[in-house]
Amino acid sequence: MDELKGLILSGGRGTRLRPITFTSAKQLVPVANKPVLFYGIEAMAAAGIREVGIIIAPETGDEIRAAAGDGSQFGVRIEYIVQDEPAGLAHAVLTAEPFLSESPFVMYLGDNLLQGGMEELVSDFRAEAPEALILLTPVPDPQNYGVAELGGDGSVVRLVEKPPEPATDLALVGVYMFTPQIHDAARAIEPSARGELEITDAIQWLVDNGKRVEPHVVRGWWKDTGRLEDMLEANRLILDTVVRQIDGVLDEAQVDGRVVVEAGALLERATVRGPAIIGAGAVVRDAYVGPYTAIGRNCVVEHSEVEHSILLEGSSVRNLDGRMESSLLGRDVAIARGARQPRAYRFMVGDKSEIGIL
């Protein structure tokens, strides 16, 4: 098999993560203080892929270019491909055809996280050489995904995009592997009822034309980080893998368990219970940071309690005298309370916002 290329789709508008995504690409929202997109690029690099194309939208493309650069920080070469409109995953494949040329490739949705990377999958694809290899996982709500039906021999028989009455609970995970035959399939299909060229229809075309499509059921976790709940759960899953490392300054502070305190961070009369990460330049003073919390660079948490939350760069939480939990704060958000009445708070706040609580 020829050298594999990588294709990462990062053109979506992220409507389910608004207001955060009004001012930032959803693929750049951090999980455990690292943009979601970077996990996909790193997984491709670890699998030996050296040429990666990233599909971007005109609205958010410049931000993604600035963050990921030319790929050298990941050990790959990145080429950016503009998709003028979100017309479906198969349309994205056709848009990327000049980059992909005759190479087989891995396609990865840029807002997805997959436990364990893709080395094993790439190895299987190389060894078995099917026309397509698709990843599947059981989900409780298959009507929200592309769903696969398998035959008695385990082969893929039918794929349906977001069926109202799913025949199985096996959803398509956002990772696919294709030979160049997928370009012919994408050209052969018609737009769906929602006006998009669906990748499920293109894969179904391969099946209907006698091409071999192999399923691979994911044994570990997989997360589509398109919603607040999914972002927080992905943050929890990634933080569960961190190794304790204290590079910042502790001043009368207590740090319990698997906590990363980056260089330049200050913990003063504070308690942090892991797993958690405190970014460079952050200040946690007279405060409590509980498990599954990611505090971004240059954030401030004072006289407050924060748990199971994500704070993006430059945010501050002061004087809450209650616990903020299950929250996602955008960049440069300021939350403060005046009068002191203990309460529990839950926020999802876009960039550069200010909330004063009386």
Foldseek 3Di string as FASTA:
>chain_A
DDAAAEEEEQADQLPQQPPASVPARQQQADFLQGRLLVQQLLLCVVLVHAEYEYEYEPVHVVVVCVVCPQVVVNNHGYDYFYDDDPQEPLVVVLSCCVVCPQHKYKYAYSQKDAPPGCNVVVVCCVVVVFQKEWEWEFDPQQLQAWAFDADPVRFTDAIDGNDPDDPGRIGTARMMIHGPVLNVLQVPDARDPVRHSYSRSSVNVCVVVPTGYHYDYGPDDMARCSHLVRSLVSSQVVLVPAAADEQDEEACEAEADREAEDHQEYEHVEYEYESEYAEHLEYEYCEYEYYSEYHYHNEYEECEYEYSEYEYAQEYEYNQLEYEYSEYEEHNEYEYEDDHDYDYHYYYYYHPYYYYHD
